Amino acid sequence: MVPSDQALYDRMRKGDQEAFAALYERHEPALFRYALHLSGNHFVAEEVAHEVFLHLAGSYIRFDAKRGSLEGYLYGMIRNLVRVLWRKRAFEPKEEQTAPGDVLGDLIHDERTAALYAALRELPDHYRDAIMLCELEEKSYEDAARLLDCPVGTIRSRVHRARILLAARLRPLMAPAGVSGR
């Protein structure tokens, strides 16, 4: 039987390094991907994903299962750390910061993909979080609702509204070359 996140967390808090490693292996790849989608920067995504686990293992942070799932807590930490970096203007998605041979990093620098990430960064947080989880992370509405601690209907509404806002921002870029919007 596969231990739950809560069981692994409880064992980790008691000093079980194997439990910490199991949590890391279970969640780090998805958290890294999510951080990459949020930041558009490979280096930042790596640093933020590792920072989340350092915080989790630290003695000054305690996850409270009464407030939500451990997975939701980890995703929330990713969102918060990336937002802090944005506010500090500590990074921009730049070519020299992209890992060599990183296919996703190469795509980010494509004009349309860069425009998409710029438009995503301009969305209000609650719309961006919902669309990132449902569209880029391919989470179900139910999973996104659990991770964001809100009703499924709210997620559906936020994804719908985010799509409308993104379409409006990206429409000029999607018009064929030489065709006027009139």
C-alpha atoms as a PDB file:
ATOM      1  CA  MET A   1       0.000   0.000   0.000  1.00  0.00           C
ATOM      2  CA  VAL A   2       1.313   3.437  -0.959  1.00  0.00           C
ATOM      3  CA  PRO A   3       1.523   5.756   2.059  1.00  0.00           C
ATOM      4  CA  SER A   4      -0.482   8.970   1.923  1.00  0.00           C
ATOM      5  CA  ASP A   5       1.176  12.361   1.764  1.00  0.00           C
ATOM      6  CA  GLN A   6       0.046  12.974   5.339  1.00  0.00           C
ATOM      7  CA  ALA A   7       1.613   9.726   6.563  1.00  0.00           C
ATOM      8  CA  LEU A   8       4.882  10.555   4.791  1.00  0.00           C
ATOM      9  CA  TYR A   9       4.808  14.099   6.162  1.00  0.00           C
ATOM     10  CA  ASP A  10       4.250  12.843   9.710  1.00  0.00           C
ATOM     11  CA  ARG A  11       7.163  10.401   9.358  1.00  0.00           C
ATOM     12  CA  MET A  12       9.338  13.145   7.832  1.00  0.00           C
ATOM     13  CA  ARG A  13       8.628  15.468  10.796  1.00  0.00           C
ATOM     14  CA  LYS A  14       9.939  12.699  13.064  1.00  0.00           C
ATOM     15  CA  GLY A  15      13.236  12.610  11.157  1.00  0.00           C
ATOM     16  CA  ASP A  16      12.540   9.862   8.601  1.00  0.00           C
ATOM     17  CA  GLN A  17      14.713  10.834   5.614  1.00  0.00           C
ATOM     18  CA  GLU A  18      13.175   8.134   3.422  1.00  0.00           C
ATOM     19  CA  ALA A  19       9.755   9.722   3.928  1.00  0.00           C
ATOM     20  CA  PHE A  20      11.175  13.099   2.873  1.00  0.00           C
ATOM     21  CA  ALA A  21      12.751  11.505  -0.212  1.00  0.00           C
ATOM     22  CA  ALA A  22       9.430   9.827  -1.074  1.00  0.00           C
ATOM     23  CA  LEU A  23       7.569  13.152  -0.835  1.00  0.00           C
ATOM     24  CA  TYR A  24      10.248  14.818  -2.945  1.00  0.00           C
ATOM     25  CA  GLU A  25      10.107  12.141  -5.636  1.00  0.00           C
ATOM     26  CA  ARG A  26       6.303  12.173  -5.628  1.00  0.00           C
ATOM     27  CA  HIS A  27       5.829  15.938  -5.950  1.00  0.00           C
ATOM     28  CA  GLU A  28       8.994  17.660  -7.213  1.00  0.00           C
ATOM     29  CA  PRO A  29       8.529  16.971 -10.963  1.00  0.00           C
ATOM     30  CA  ALA A  30       5.007  18.444 -11.025  1.00  0.00           C
ATOM     31  CA  LEU A  31       5.997  21.354  -8.783  1.00  0.00           C
ATOM     32  CA  PHE A  32       8.979  22.135 -11.021  1.00  0.00           C
ATOM     33  CA  ARG A  33       6.723  22.077 -14.119  1.00  0.00           C
ATOM     34  CA  TYR A  34       4.215  24.344 -12.394  1.00  0.00           C
ATOM     35  CA  ALA A  35       6.966  26.775 -11.338  1.00  0.00           C
ATOM     36  CA  LEU A  36       8.287  26.748 -14.913  1.00  0.00           C
ATOM     37  CA  HIS A  37       4.831  27.554 -16.263  1.00  0.00           C
ATOM     38  CA  LEU A  38       4.414  30.355 -13.748  1.00  0.00           C
ATOM     39  CA  SER A  39       7.860  31.871 -14.204  1.00  0.00           C
ATOM     40  CA  GLY A  40       8.787  30.991 -17.775  1.00  0.00           C
ATOM     41  CA  ASN A  41      12.315  30.532 -16.462  1.00  0.00           C
ATOM     42  CA  HIS A  42      14.080  27.176 -16.027  1.00  0.00           C
ATOM     43  CA  PHE A  43      16.543  28.418 -13.392  1.00  0.00           C
ATOM     44  CA  VAL A  44      13.827  30.072 -11.288  1.00  0.00           C
ATOM     45  CA  ALA A  45      11.632  26.961 -11.517  1.00  0.00           C
ATOM     46  CA  GLU A  46      14.454  24.758 -10.237  1.00  0.00           C
ATOM     47  CA  GLU A  47      15.273  27.107  -7.380  1.00  0.00           C
ATOM     48  CA  VAL A  48      11.644  27.590  -6.329  1.00  0.00           C
ATOM     49  CA  ALA A  49      10.845  23.861  -6.446  1.00  0.00           C
ATOM     50  CA  HIS A  50      13.861  23.090  -4.248  1.00  0.00           C
ATOM     51  CA  GLU A  51      13.084  25.983  -1.902  1.00  0.00           C
ATOM     52  CA  VAL A  52       9.605  24.562  -1.253  1.00  0.00           C
ATOM     53  CA  PHE A  53      11.115  21.341   0.054  1.00  0.00           C
ATOM     54  CA  LEU A  54      13.669  23.194   2.160  1.00  0.00           C
ATOM     55  CA  HIS A  55      10.792  25.113   3.756  1.00  0.00           C
ATOM     56  CA  LEU A  56       8.802  21.920   4.222  1.00  0.00           C
ATOM     57  CA  ALA A  57      11.686  20.248   6.046  1.00  0.00           C
ATOM     58  CA  GLY A  58      12.503  23.350   8.101  1.00  0.00           C
ATOM     59  CA  SER A  59      11.659  23.486  11.769  1.00  0.00           C
ATOM     60  CA  TYR A  60       9.890  26.846  11.427  1.00  0.00           C
ATOM     61  CA  ILE A  61       7.144  25.686   9.036  1.00  0.00           C
ATOM     62  CA  ARG A  62       4.387  23.305   9.908  1.00  0.00           C
ATOM     63  CA  PHE A  63       1.815  22.091   7.443  1.00  0.00           C
ATOM     64  CA  ASP A  64      -1.673  21.922   8.967  1.00  0.00           C
ATOM     65  CA  ALA A  65      -3.828  19.165   7.454  1.00  0.00           C
ATOM     66  CA  LYS A  66      -6.952  20.844   8.864  1.00  0.00           C
ATOM     67  CA  ARG A  67      -6.430  23.691   6.389  1.00  0.00           C
ATOM     68  CA  GLY A  68      -6.052  21.527   3.260  1.00  0.00           C
ATOM     69  CA  SER A  69      -3.991  18.885   1.514  1.00  0.00           C
ATOM     70  CA  LEU A  70      -0.198  18.755   1.546  1.00  0.00           C
ATOM     71  CA  GLU A  71      -0.205  18.888  -2.249  1.00  0.00           C
ATOM     72  CA  GLY A  72      -2.306  22.068  -2.171  1.00  0.00           C
ATOM     73  CA  TYR A  73       0.073  23.532   0.407  1.00  0.00           C
ATOM     74  CA  LEU A  74       3.078  22.780  -1.825  1.00  0.00           C
ATOM     75  CA  TYR A  75       1.428  24.322  -4.905  1.00  0.00           C
ATOM     76  CA  GLY A  76       0.515  27.368  -2.827  1.00  0.00           C
ATOM     77  CA  MET A  77       4.133  27.738  -1.720  1.00  0.00           C
ATOM     78  CA  ILE A  78       5.252  27.605  -5.375  1.00  0.00           C
ATOM     79  CA  ARG A  79       2.744  30.315  -6.322  1.00  0.00           C
ATOM     80  CA  ASN A  80       3.791  32.517  -3.415  1.00  0.00           C
ATOM     81  CA  LEU A  81       7.533  32.173  -4.031  1.00  0.00           C
ATOM     82  CA  VAL A  82       7.186  32.969  -7.750  1.00  0.00           C
ATOM     83  CA  ARG A  83       4.978  35.983  -6.928  1.00  0.00           C
ATOM     84  CA  VAL A  84       7.564  37.274  -4.443  1.00  0.00           C
ATOM     85  CA  LEU A  85      10.218  37.041  -7.136  1.00  0.00           C
ATOM     86  CA  TRP A  86       7.932  38.828  -9.629  1.00  0.00           C
ATOM     87  CA  ARG A  87       7.325  41.660  -7.175  1.00  0.00           C
ATOM     88  CA  LYS A  88      11.031  42.005  -6.593  1.00  0.00           C
ATOM     89  CA  ARG A  89      11.543  41.835 -10.354  1.00  0.00           C
ATOM     90  CA  ALA A  90      14.204  39.265  -9.556  1.00  0.00           C
ATOM     91  CA  PHE A  91      13.939  37.551 -12.937  1.00  0.00           C
ATOM     92  CA  GLU A  92      12.731  37.833 -16.474  1.00  0.00           C
ATOM     93  CA  PRO A  93      12.351  34.903 -18.853  1.00  0.00           C
ATOM     94  CA  LYS A  94      15.686  35.460 -20.650  1.00  0.00           C
ATOM     95  CA  GLU A  95      17.453  33.275 -23.143  1.00  0.00           C
ATOM     96  CA  GLU A  96      20.740  33.186 -21.237  1.00  0.00           C
ATOM     97  CA  GLN A  97      18.927  31.766 -18.203  1.00  0.00           C
ATOM     98  CA  THR A  98      17.397  28.869 -20.130  1.00  0.00           C
ATOM     99  CA  ALA A  99      19.058  25.498 -19.701  1.00  0.00           C
ATOM    100  CA  PRO A 100      20.850  24.265 -22.840  1.00  0.00           C
ATOM    101  CA  GLY A 101      18.842  21.749 -24.813  1.00  0.00           C
ATOM    102  CA  ASP A 102      15.656  22.558 -22.898  1.00  0.00           C
ATOM    103  CA  VAL A 103      12.910  22.120 -25.491  1.00  0.00           C
ATOM    104  CA  LEU A 104      10.306  23.941 -23.389  1.00  0.00           C
ATOM    105  CA  GLY A 105      12.767  26.773 -22.794  1.00  0.00           C
ATOM    106  CA  ASP A 106      13.356  27.023 -26.543  1.00  0.00           C
ATOM    107  CA  LEU A 107       9.592  27.225 -27.144  1.00  0.00           C
ATOM    108  CA  ILE A 108       9.203  29.979 -24.555  1.00  0.00           C
ATOM    109  CA  HIS A 109      11.376  32.172 -26.737  1.00  0.00           C
ATOM    110  CA  ASP A 110       9.180  31.649 -29.735  1.00  0.00           C
ATOM    111  CA  GLU A 111       7.239  34.878 -30.332  1.00  0.00           C
ATOM    112  CA  ARG A 112       3.782  33.397 -29.776  1.00  0.00           C
ATOM    113  CA  THR A 113       4.774  31.415 -26.731  1.00  0.00           C
ATOM    114  CA  ALA A 114       6.513  34.427 -25.216  1.00  0.00           C
ATOM    115  CA  ALA A 115       3.374  36.467 -25.867  1.00  0.00           C
ATOM    116  CA  LEU A 116       1.262  33.793 -24.186  1.00  0.00           C
ATOM    117  CA  TYR A 117       3.452  33.814 -21.071  1.00  0.00           C
ATOM    118  CA  ALA A 118       3.402  37.608 -20.996  1.00  0.00           C
ATOM    119  CA  ALA A 119      -0.400  37.555 -21.248  1.00  0.00           C
ATOM    120  CA  LEU A 120      -0.594  34.908 -18.514  1.00  0.00           C
ATOM    121  CA  ARG A 121       1.558  37.041 -16.208  1.00  0.00           C
ATOM    122  CA  GLU A 122      -0.854  39.960 -16.733  1.00  0.00           C
ATOM    123  CA  LEU A 123      -3.902  37.970 -15.618  1.00  0.00           C
ATOM    124  CA  PRO A 124      -5.211  38.469 -12.085  1.00  0.00           C
ATOM    125  CA  ASP A 125      -3.727  35.798  -9.809  1.00  0.00           C
ATOM    126  CA  HIS A 126      -6.931  33.790  -9.342  1.00  0.00           C
ATOM    127  CA  TYR A 127      -7.501  33.490 -13.116  1.00  0.00           C
ATOM    128  CA  ARG A 128      -3.841  32.683 -13.800  1.00  0.00           C
ATOM    129  CA  ASP A 129      -3.739  29.999 -11.107  1.00  0.00           C
ATOM    130  CA  ALA A 130      -6.845  28.264 -12.457  1.00  0.00           C
ATOM    131  CA  ILE A 131      -5.805  28.329 -16.120  1.00  0.00           C
ATOM    132  CA  MET A 132      -2.242  27.243 -15.331  1.00  0.00           C
ATOM    133  CA  LEU A 133      -3.431  24.233 -13.374  1.00  0.00           C
ATOM    134  CA  CYS A 134      -6.201  23.189 -15.786  1.00  0.00           C
ATOM    135  CA  GLU A 135      -4.613  23.965 -19.136  1.00  0.00           C
ATOM    136  CA  LEU A 136      -0.843  23.837 -18.699  1.00  0.00           C
ATOM    137  CA  GLU A 137      -0.672  21.304 -15.867  1.00  0.00           C
ATOM    138  CA  GLU A 138      -3.662  19.368 -17.281  1.00  0.00           C
ATOM    139  CA  LYS A 139      -5.265  19.010 -13.859  1.00  0.00           C
ATOM    140  CA  SER A 140      -8.971  18.263 -13.702  1.00  0.00           C
ATOM    141  CA  TYR A 141     -11.305  20.979 -12.449  1.00  0.00           C
ATOM    142  CA  GLU A 142     -11.756  18.884  -9.314  1.00  0.00           C
ATOM    143  CA  ASP A 143      -8.004  18.626  -8.711  1.00  0.00           C
ATOM    144  CA  ALA A 144      -7.528  22.357  -9.314  1.00  0.00           C
ATOM    145  CA  ALA A 145     -10.380  23.111  -6.892  1.00  0.00           C
ATOM    146  CA  ARG A 146      -8.704  20.948  -4.253  1.00  0.00           C
ATOM    147  CA  LEU A 147      -5.301  22.572  -4.828  1.00  0.00           C
ATOM    148  CA  LEU A 148      -6.724  26.097  -4.745  1.00  0.00           C
ATOM    149  CA  ASP A 149      -9.198  25.303  -1.956  1.00  0.00           C
ATOM    150  CA  CYS A 150     -12.309  26.577  -3.723  1.00  0.00           C
ATOM    151  CA  PRO A 151     -15.453  25.104  -5.331  1.00  0.00           C
ATOM    152  CA  VAL A 152     -15.261  23.350  -8.722  1.00  0.00           C
ATOM    153  CA  GLY A 153     -17.752  25.863 -10.163  1.00  0.00           C
ATOM    154  CA  THR A 154     -15.398  28.681  -9.226  1.00  0.00           C
ATOM    155  CA  ILE A 155     -12.562  26.960 -11.086  1.00  0.00           C
ATOM    156  CA  ARG A 156     -14.743  26.481 -14.174  1.00  0.00           C
ATOM    157  CA  SER A 157     -15.718  30.146 -14.094  1.00  0.00           C
ATOM    158  CA  ARG A 158     -12.127  31.337 -13.615  1.00  0.00           C
ATOM    159  CA  VAL A 159     -10.811  29.152 -16.451  1.00  0.00           C
ATOM    160  CA  HIS A 160     -13.579  30.415 -18.744  1.00  0.00           C
ATOM    161  CA  ARG A 161     -12.875  34.051 -17.883  1.00  0.00           C
ATOM    162  CA  ALA A 162      -9.106  33.540 -18.226  1.00  0.00           C
ATOM    163  CA  ARG A 163      -9.606  32.083 -21.713  1.00  0.00           C
ATOM    164  CA  ILE A 164     -11.635  35.136 -22.732  1.00  0.00           C
ATOM    165  CA  LEU A 165      -9.001  37.538 -21.383  1.00  0.00           C
ATOM    166  CA  LEU A 166      -6.148  35.623 -23.023  1.00  0.00           C
ATOM    167  CA  ALA A 167      -7.953  35.431 -26.364  1.00  0.00           C
ATOM    168  CA  ALA A 168      -8.499  39.200 -26.334  1.00  0.00           C
ATOM    169  CA  ARG A 169      -4.839  39.859 -25.551  1.00  0.00           C
ATOM    170  CA  LEU A 170      -3.507  37.369 -28.088  1.00  0.00           C
ATOM    171  CA  ARG A 171      -5.945  38.038 -30.941  1.00  0.00           C
ATOM    172  CA  PRO A 172      -3.653  40.574 -32.693  1.00  0.00           C
ATOM    173  CA  LEU A 173      -0.799  38.081 -32.660  1.00  0.00           C
ATOM    174  CA  MET A 174      -2.924  35.297 -34.120  1.00  0.00           C
ATOM    175  CA  ALA A 175      -4.062  37.293 -37.184  1.00  0.00           C
ATOM    176  CA  PRO A 176      -2.244  36.164 -40.349  1.00  0.00           C
ATOM    177  CA  ALA A 177       0.573  38.465 -41.451  1.00  0.00           C
ATOM    178  CA  GLY A 178      -0.590  41.385 -43.563  1.00  0.00           C
ATOM    179  CA  VAL A 179      -4.216  41.061 -42.499  1.00  0.00           C
ATOM    180  CA  SER A 180      -5.716  44.035 -40.721  1.00  0.00           C
ATOM    181  CA  GLY A 181      -8.110  43.549 -37.793  1.00  0.00           C
ATOM    182  CA  ARG A 182     -10.714  45.771 -39.539  1.00  0.00           C
END
